C-alpha cells in the first residue's frame, strides 16, 4: 500500500511510519520542517516537505495521487495557541480531506481526541483552559467536516497519550471510559484500521484495555 501521513514527524506518526515501512508499505510523511527529513528517511519513510497551513488543495492532491490511504496525525502541539489549534487541527484536516477526495484516495484515518464531543454546540466542560477548549473545538469541527464526505473515513479518538512501549492490549469502541493509551498502541491500531474497510464511517474511542489490538479492531 502507498500511505501518506500528515504530521509525519509527530510522535504517533514516527512510530506508525516505521511500523508500516517494516511490513512493506510505501510510506510518505508530510512535514513542515525540512530539518526533520532525515529522521523520516531513517525509519524508511519518504519525506514530503509541505506546510498544510499554507498549501493549496492542488499541491496536496498531487502528493496524494496514487495513494491507497492517508492518515491525518498532525497537531499544533504543546505551547501553541488557539489560532494554531484551528489552523492545524481543523483547517489542515479539511485540506487533506479535500485533496483525498480529489485524488480518489479510498481510506482516510483521522486521529482526533476523546472529549471532542463534549464541546458540541460550544459547550465548555469544567476544568479546561481556553487553549484546550479551542483544541477540542478544532477536533470536533474536523470530525464534522469529514462525516458527510465520500471517503472511507474512520475517526479514531485516543485517550490521554503516554510514551513508552505499547502493551498490545486496548479497549476500542464507539464510547469508552476516559483513560490513557501508549502512543505505540495508537499507531498499531491505525495499522489495523487501514486494513479494515469495515470500520469506515465509524467513530472509535481508544484507551488501554485487555483486548488484543487485531481482535479489538475486528470487533469494531
C-alpha atoms as a PDB file:
ATOM      1  CA  UNK A   1       0.000   0.000   0.000  1.00  0.00           C
ATOM      2  CA  UNK A   2       1.038   3.609  -0.542  1.00  0.00           C
ATOM      3  CA  UNK A   3       0.148   5.526   2.604  1.00  0.00           C
ATOM      4  CA  UNK A   4       0.579   9.267   3.182  1.00  0.00           C
ATOM      5  CA  UNK A   5       0.802  10.505   6.775  1.00  0.00           C
ATOM      6  CA  UNK A   6       0.099  14.155   7.551  1.00  0.00           C
ATOM      7  CA  UNK A   7       2.116  15.328  10.518  1.00  0.00           C
ATOM      8  CA  UNK A   8       4.802  12.835   9.616  1.00  0.00           C
ATOM      9  CA  UNK A   9       7.253  13.888  12.336  1.00  0.00           C
ATOM     10  CA  UNK A  10       4.777  13.673  15.206  1.00  0.00           C
ATOM     11  CA  UNK A  11       5.274  11.120  17.948  1.00  0.00           C
ATOM     12  CA  UNK A  12       2.487   8.820  16.779  1.00  0.00           C
ATOM     13  CA  UNK A  13       3.377   9.311  13.124  1.00  0.00           C
ATOM     14  CA  UNK A  14       7.020   8.313  13.577  1.00  0.00           C
ATOM     15  CA  UNK A  15       6.001   5.063  15.250  1.00  0.00           C
ATOM     16  CA  UNK A  16       3.316   4.470  12.623  1.00  0.00           C
ATOM     17  CA  UNK A  17       5.669   5.186   9.740  1.00  0.00           C
ATOM     18  CA  UNK A  18       8.198   2.680  10.992  1.00  0.00           C
ATOM     19  CA  UNK A  19       5.504   0.020  11.502  1.00  0.00           C
ATOM     20  CA  UNK A  20       4.127   0.497   8.010  1.00  0.00           C
ATOM     21  CA  UNK A  21       7.566   0.504   6.404  1.00  0.00           C
ATOM     22  CA  UNK A  22       8.582  -2.631   8.298  1.00  0.00           C
ATOM     23  CA  UNK A  23       5.593  -4.516   6.926  1.00  0.00           C
ATOM     24  CA  UNK A  24       6.441  -3.445   3.382  1.00  0.00           C
ATOM     25  CA  UNK A  25       4.281  -0.404   2.712  1.00  0.00           C
ATOM     26  CA  UNK A  26       5.399   2.623   0.696  1.00  0.00           C
ATOM     27  CA  UNK A  27       5.077   5.425   3.257  1.00  0.00           C
ATOM     28  CA  UNK A  28       5.232   9.180   2.698  1.00  0.00           C
ATOM     29  CA  UNK A  29       5.352  11.590   5.621  1.00  0.00           C
ATOM     30  CA  UNK A  30       4.228  15.191   5.173  1.00  0.00           C
ATOM     31  CA  UNK A  31       6.423  17.517   7.225  1.00  0.00           C
ATOM     32  CA  UNK A  32       6.633  21.290   7.558  1.00  0.00           C
ATOM     33  CA  UNK A  33      10.254  21.495   8.685  1.00  0.00           C
ATOM     34  CA  UNK A  34      12.863  20.217   6.174  1.00  0.00           C
ATOM     35  CA  UNK A  35      15.256  19.590   9.067  1.00  0.00           C
ATOM     36  CA  UNK A  36      13.076  16.620  10.011  1.00  0.00           C
ATOM     37  CA  UNK A  37      13.532  14.870   6.657  1.00  0.00           C
ATOM     38  CA  UNK A  38      16.476  12.713   7.748  1.00  0.00           C
ATOM     39  CA  UNK A  39      14.529  11.440  10.751  1.00  0.00           C
ATOM     40  CA  UNK A  40      11.884  10.094   8.379  1.00  0.00           C
ATOM     41  CA  UNK A  41      14.398   8.613   5.972  1.00  0.00           C
ATOM     42  CA  UNK A  42      15.992   6.833   8.912  1.00  0.00           C
ATOM     43  CA  UNK A  43      12.825   4.821   9.512  1.00  0.00           C
ATOM     44  CA  UNK A  44      12.132   4.139   5.842  1.00  0.00           C
ATOM     45  CA  UNK A  45       9.594   6.917   5.285  1.00  0.00           C
ATOM     46  CA  UNK A  46       9.846   9.256   2.293  1.00  0.00           C
ATOM     47  CA  UNK A  47       9.653  12.881   3.464  1.00  0.00           C
ATOM     48  CA  UNK A  48       7.460  15.382   1.635  1.00  0.00           C
ATOM     49  CA  UNK A  49       8.053  18.962   2.749  1.00  0.00           C
ATOM     50  CA  UNK A  50       4.735  20.782   2.614  1.00  0.00           C
ATOM     51  CA  UNK A  51       3.146  23.225   5.047  1.00  0.00           C
ATOM     52  CA  UNK A  52      -0.509  22.272   5.317  1.00  0.00           C
ATOM     53  CA  UNK A  53      -1.296  25.645   6.894  1.00  0.00           C
ATOM     54  CA  UNK A  54      -0.318  27.453   3.677  1.00  0.00           C
ATOM     55  CA  UNK A  55      -0.545  24.826   0.911  1.00  0.00           C
ATOM     56  CA  UNK A  56      -3.344  24.813  -1.644  1.00  0.00           C
ATOM     57  CA  UNK A  57      -5.523  21.811  -2.416  1.00  0.00           C
ATOM     58  CA  UNK A  58      -3.861  21.215  -5.799  1.00  0.00           C
ATOM     59  CA  UNK A  59      -0.440  20.714  -4.196  1.00  0.00           C
ATOM     60  CA  UNK A  60      -1.818  18.265  -1.648  1.00  0.00           C
ATOM     61  CA  UNK A  61      -3.815  16.440  -4.312  1.00  0.00           C
ATOM     62  CA  UNK A  62      -0.661  15.895  -6.356  1.00  0.00           C
ATOM     63  CA  UNK A  63       1.052  14.477  -3.298  1.00  0.00           C
ATOM     64  CA  UNK A  64      -1.823  12.064  -2.677  1.00  0.00           C
ATOM     65  CA  UNK A  65      -2.018  10.827  -6.269  1.00  0.00           C
ATOM     66  CA  UNK A  66      -1.922   7.040  -6.300  1.00  0.00           C
ATOM     67  CA  UNK A  67      -2.201   6.694  -2.520  1.00  0.00           C
ATOM     68  CA  UNK A  68      -4.235   3.847  -1.067  1.00  0.00           C
ATOM     69  CA  UNK A  69      -4.771   5.638   2.244  1.00  0.00           C
ATOM     70  CA  UNK A  70      -3.941   8.770   4.144  1.00  0.00           C
ATOM     71  CA  UNK A  71      -3.695   9.379   7.870  1.00  0.00           C
ATOM     72  CA  UNK A  72      -4.232  12.760   9.496  1.00  0.00           C
ATOM     73  CA  UNK A  73      -1.907  12.695  12.511  1.00  0.00           C
ATOM     74  CA  UNK A  74      -0.924  16.365  12.510  1.00  0.00           C
ATOM     75  CA  UNK A  75      -1.356  18.622  15.509  1.00  0.00           C
ATOM     76  CA  UNK A  76      -0.351  22.103  16.558  1.00  0.00           C
ATOM     77  CA  UNK A  77       1.406  20.624  19.565  1.00  0.00           C
ATOM     78  CA  UNK A  78       2.103  21.864  23.092  1.00  0.00           C
ATOM     79  CA  UNK A  79       2.769  25.546  23.509  1.00  0.00           C
ATOM     80  CA  UNK A  80       0.619  26.566  20.550  1.00  0.00           C
ATOM     81  CA  UNK A  81      -2.276  28.944  20.957  1.00  0.00           C
ATOM     82  CA  UNK A  82      -5.916  28.755  19.998  1.00  0.00           C
ATOM     83  CA  UNK A  83      -5.322  30.144  16.489  1.00  0.00           C
ATOM     84  CA  UNK A  84      -2.963  27.302  15.552  1.00  0.00           C
ATOM     85  CA  UNK A  85      -5.294  24.702  17.041  1.00  0.00           C
ATOM     86  CA  UNK A  86      -7.749  25.860  14.394  1.00  0.00           C
ATOM     87  CA  UNK A  87      -5.286  26.208  11.510  1.00  0.00           C
ATOM     88  CA  UNK A  88      -3.669  22.802  12.112  1.00  0.00           C
ATOM     89  CA  UNK A  89      -6.126  20.550  13.923  1.00  0.00           C
ATOM     90  CA  UNK A  90      -9.137  21.704  11.916  1.00  0.00           C
ATOM     91  CA  UNK A  91      -8.163  23.500   8.703  1.00  0.00           C
ATOM     92  CA  UNK A  92      -5.290  21.196   7.775  1.00  0.00           C
ATOM     93  CA  UNK A  93      -7.522  18.160   8.214  1.00  0.00           C
ATOM     94  CA  UNK A  94     -10.151  19.770   5.979  1.00  0.00           C
ATOM     95  CA  UNK A  95      -7.476  20.465   3.357  1.00  0.00           C
ATOM     96  CA  UNK A  96      -6.230  16.873   3.447  1.00  0.00           C
ATOM     97  CA  UNK A  97      -9.782  15.563   3.113  1.00  0.00           C
ATOM     98  CA  UNK A  98     -10.463  17.890   0.168  1.00  0.00           C
ATOM     99  CA  UNK A  99      -7.335  16.608  -1.553  1.00  0.00           C
ATOM    100  CA  UNK A 100      -8.095  12.975  -0.728  1.00  0.00           C
ATOM    101  CA  UNK A 101     -11.476  13.293  -2.434  1.00  0.00           C
ATOM    102  CA  UNK A 102      -9.922  14.906  -5.490  1.00  0.00           C
ATOM    103  CA  UNK A 103      -7.179  12.265  -5.674  1.00  0.00           C
ATOM    104  CA  UNK A 104      -9.611   9.379  -5.172  1.00  0.00           C
ATOM    105  CA  UNK A 105      -7.923   8.055  -2.018  1.00  0.00           C
ATOM    106  CA  UNK A 106     -10.160   5.272  -0.680  1.00  0.00           C
ATOM    107  CA  UNK A 107      -9.163   5.294   3.026  1.00  0.00           C
ATOM    108  CA  UNK A 108      -8.784   8.216   5.432  1.00  0.00           C
ATOM    109  CA  UNK A 109      -7.962   7.738   9.112  1.00  0.00           C
ATOM    110  CA  UNK A 110      -8.255  10.832  11.262  1.00  0.00           C
ATOM    111  CA  UNK A 111      -6.608  10.998  14.681  1.00  0.00           C
ATOM    112  CA  UNK A 112      -8.932  13.034  16.888  1.00  0.00           C
ATOM    113  CA  UNK A 113      -9.328  13.070  20.674  1.00  0.00           C
ATOM    114  CA  UNK A 114     -11.567  11.650  23.346  1.00  0.00           C
ATOM    115  CA  UNK A 115     -13.660  14.524  24.656  1.00  0.00           C
ATOM    116  CA  UNK A 116     -14.245  16.166  21.293  1.00  0.00           C
ATOM    117  CA  UNK A 117     -17.971  15.528  21.545  1.00  0.00           C
ATOM    118  CA  UNK A 118     -18.050  17.239  24.957  1.00  0.00           C
ATOM    119  CA  UNK A 119     -17.739  20.649  23.277  1.00  0.00           C
ATOM    120  CA  UNK A 120     -20.631  20.166  20.849  1.00  0.00           C
ATOM    121  CA  UNK A 121     -22.719  23.307  20.391  1.00  0.00           C
ATOM    122  CA  UNK A 122     -19.953  25.330  22.021  1.00  0.00           C
ATOM    123  CA  UNK A 123     -20.211  23.613  25.400  1.00  0.00           C
ATOM    124  CA  UNK A 124     -17.290  24.038  27.761  1.00  0.00           C
ATOM    125  CA  UNK A 125     -16.646  21.277  30.295  1.00  0.00           C
ATOM    126  CA  UNK A 126     -15.489  22.362  33.718  1.00  0.00           C
ATOM    127  CA  UNK A 127     -11.782  22.484  34.393  1.00  0.00           C
ATOM    128  CA  UNK A 128     -10.370  23.070  30.899  1.00  0.00           C
ATOM    129  CA  UNK A 129      -8.485  26.175  29.840  1.00  0.00           C
ATOM    130  CA  UNK A 130      -9.054  28.318  26.757  1.00  0.00           C
ATOM    131  CA  UNK A 131      -6.421  26.603  24.618  1.00  0.00           C
ATOM    132  CA  UNK A 132      -7.575  23.059  25.365  1.00  0.00           C
ATOM    133  CA  UNK A 133     -11.144  24.141  24.708  1.00  0.00           C
ATOM    134  CA  UNK A 134     -10.023  25.526  21.334  1.00  0.00           C
ATOM    135  CA  UNK A 135      -8.215  22.238  20.640  1.00  0.00           C
ATOM    136  CA  UNK A 136     -11.347  20.167  21.276  1.00  0.00           C
ATOM    137  CA  UNK A 137     -13.468  22.555  19.211  1.00  0.00           C
ATOM    138  CA  UNK A 138     -10.990  22.204  16.330  1.00  0.00           C
ATOM    139  CA  UNK A 139     -11.003  18.410  16.577  1.00  0.00           C
ATOM    140  CA  UNK A 140     -14.803  18.285  16.617  1.00  0.00           C
ATOM    141  CA  UNK A 141     -15.043  20.649  13.638  1.00  0.00           C
ATOM    142  CA  UNK A 142     -12.595  18.455  11.700  1.00  0.00           C
ATOM    143  CA  UNK A 143     -14.712  15.397  12.520  1.00  0.00           C
ATOM    144  CA  UNK A 144     -17.914  17.161  11.456  1.00  0.00           C
ATOM    145  CA  UNK A 145     -16.313  18.166   8.164  1.00  0.00           C
ATOM    146  CA  UNK A 146     -15.272  14.582   7.473  1.00  0.00           C
ATOM    147  CA  UNK A 147     -18.546  12.804   8.266  1.00  0.00           C
ATOM    148  CA  UNK A 148     -20.553  13.664   5.108  1.00  0.00           C
ATOM    149  CA  UNK A 149     -17.643  13.136   2.722  1.00  0.00           C
ATOM    150  CA  UNK A 150     -17.486  10.400   0.122  1.00  0.00           C
ATOM    151  CA  UNK A 151     -14.394   8.872   1.707  1.00  0.00           C
ATOM    152  CA  UNK A 152     -13.799   5.610   3.535  1.00  0.00           C
ATOM    153  CA  UNK A 153     -13.038   7.542   6.695  1.00  0.00           C
ATOM    154  CA  UNK A 154     -12.508   6.301  10.219  1.00  0.00           C
ATOM    155  CA  UNK A 155     -12.217   8.722  13.131  1.00  0.00           C
ATOM    156  CA  UNK A 156     -10.024   7.495  15.986  1.00  0.00           C
ATOM    157  CA  UNK A 157     -10.280   9.247  19.352  1.00  0.00           C
ATOM    158  CA  UNK A 158      -7.407   8.213  21.637  1.00  0.00           C
ATOM    159  CA  UNK A 159      -7.428   8.959  25.333  1.00  0.00           C
ATOM    160  CA  UNK A 160      -4.552  10.623  27.165  1.00  0.00           C
ATOM    161  CA  UNK A 161      -1.364   9.808  25.248  1.00  0.00           C
ATOM    162  CA  UNK A 162       1.626   8.369  27.051  1.00  0.00           C
ATOM    163  CA  UNK A 163       5.118   7.425  25.929  1.00  0.00           C
ATOM    164  CA  UNK A 164       6.814   4.093  26.362  1.00  0.00           C
ATOM    165  CA  UNK A 165       6.310   0.674  24.812  1.00  0.00           C
ATOM    166  CA  UNK A 166       2.903  -0.457  23.692  1.00  0.00           C
ATOM    167  CA  UNK A 167       1.064  -3.169  25.576  1.00  0.00           C
ATOM    168  CA  UNK A 168      -0.754  -4.598  22.561  1.00  0.00           C
ATOM    169  CA  UNK A 169      -3.931  -4.577  24.672  1.00  0.00           C
ATOM    170  CA  UNK A 170      -6.620  -1.918  24.200  1.00  0.00           C
ATOM    171  CA  UNK A 171     -10.258  -1.037  24.553  1.00  0.00           C
ATOM    172  CA  UNK A 172     -11.710   0.194  21.245  1.00  0.00           C
ATOM    173  CA  UNK A 173     -15.396   1.036  20.905  1.00  0.00           C
ATOM    174  CA  UNK A 174     -17.730   3.875  19.911  1.00  0.00           C
ATOM    175  CA  UNK A 175     -17.647   5.031  23.533  1.00  0.00           C
ATOM    176  CA  UNK A 176     -15.217   4.114  26.314  1.00  0.00           C
ATOM    177  CA  UNK A 177     -14.420   5.415  29.767  1.00  0.00           C
ATOM    178  CA  UNK A 178     -11.651   8.009  29.928  1.00  0.00           C
ATOM    179  CA  UNK A 179      -8.155   6.634  30.286  1.00  0.00           C
ATOM    180  CA  UNK A 180      -4.682   6.675  28.833  1.00  0.00           C
ATOM    181  CA  UNK A 181      -3.098   4.780  25.959  1.00  0.00           C
ATOM    182  CA  UNK A 182       0.518   4.447  24.782  1.00  0.00           C
ATOM    183  CA  UNK A 183       1.254   6.184  21.504  1.00  0.00           C
ATOM    184  CA  UNK A 184       2.711   2.900  20.238  1.00  0.00           C
ATOM    185  CA  UNK A 185      -0.670   1.228  20.712  1.00  0.00           C
ATOM    186  CA  UNK A 186      -2.413   4.090  18.899  1.00  0.00           C
ATOM    187  CA  UNK A 187      -0.062   3.557  15.953  1.00  0.00           C
ATOM    188  CA  UNK A 188      -0.666  -0.199  15.987  1.00  0.00           C
ATOM    189  CA  UNK A 189      -4.431   0.357  15.975  1.00  0.00           C
ATOM    190  CA  UNK A 190      -4.111   2.680  12.969  1.00  0.00           C
ATOM    191  CA  UNK A 191      -2.186  -0.019  11.092  1.00  0.00           C
ATOM    192  CA  UNK A 192      -5.054  -2.435  11.692  1.00  0.00           C
ATOM    193  CA  UNK A 193      -7.703   0.155  10.797  1.00  0.00           C
ATOM    194  CA  UNK A 194      -6.059   0.800   7.437  1.00  0.00           C
ATOM    195  CA  UNK A 195      -6.642  -2.860   6.579  1.00  0.00           C
ATOM    196  CA  UNK A 196     -10.203  -2.916   7.941  1.00  0.00           C
ATOM    197  CA  UNK A 197     -12.602  -1.249   5.495  1.00  0.00           C
ATOM    198  CA  UNK A 198     -15.451  -2.432   7.696  1.00  0.00           C
ATOM    199  CA  UNK A 199     -14.506   0.342  10.129  1.00  0.00           C
ATOM    200  CA  UNK A 200     -15.263   3.009   7.536  1.00  0.00           C
ATOM    201  CA  UNK A 201     -17.777   5.658   8.629  1.00  0.00           C
ATOM    202  CA  UNK A 202     -17.155   4.803  12.293  1.00  0.00           C
ATOM    203  CA  UNK A 203     -16.003   6.943  15.205  1.00  0.00           C
ATOM    204  CA  UNK A 204     -13.984   4.839  17.637  1.00  0.00           C
ATOM    205  CA  UNK A 205     -12.584   5.751  21.037  1.00  0.00           C
ATOM    206  CA  UNK A 206      -9.377   4.138  22.270  1.00  0.00           C
ATOM    207  CA  UNK A 207      -7.784   3.596  25.674  1.00  0.00           C
ATOM    208  CA  UNK A 208      -5.659   0.916  27.247  1.00  0.00           C
ATOM    209  CA  UNK A 209      -7.519  -2.313  27.890  1.00  0.00           C
ATOM    210  CA  UNK A 210      -7.342  -6.077  27.837  1.00  0.00           C
ATOM    211  CA  UNK A 211      -8.216  -6.962  24.251  1.00  0.00           C
ATOM    212  CA  UNK A 212      -5.503  -7.748  21.691  1.00  0.00           C
ATOM    213  CA  UNK A 213      -5.368  -4.997  19.071  1.00  0.00           C
ATOM    214  CA  UNK A 214      -6.272  -7.052  15.986  1.00  0.00           C
ATOM    215  CA  UNK A 215      -9.201  -8.602  17.828  1.00  0.00           C
ATOM    216  CA  UNK A 216     -10.368  -5.184  19.064  1.00  0.00           C
ATOM    217  CA  UNK A 217     -10.406  -3.858  15.505  1.00  0.00           C
ATOM    218  CA  UNK A 218     -12.279  -6.933  14.245  1.00  0.00           C
ATOM    219  CA  UNK A 219     -14.938  -6.372  16.894  1.00  0.00           C
ATOM    220  CA  UNK A 220     -15.250  -2.733  15.843  1.00  0.00           C
END
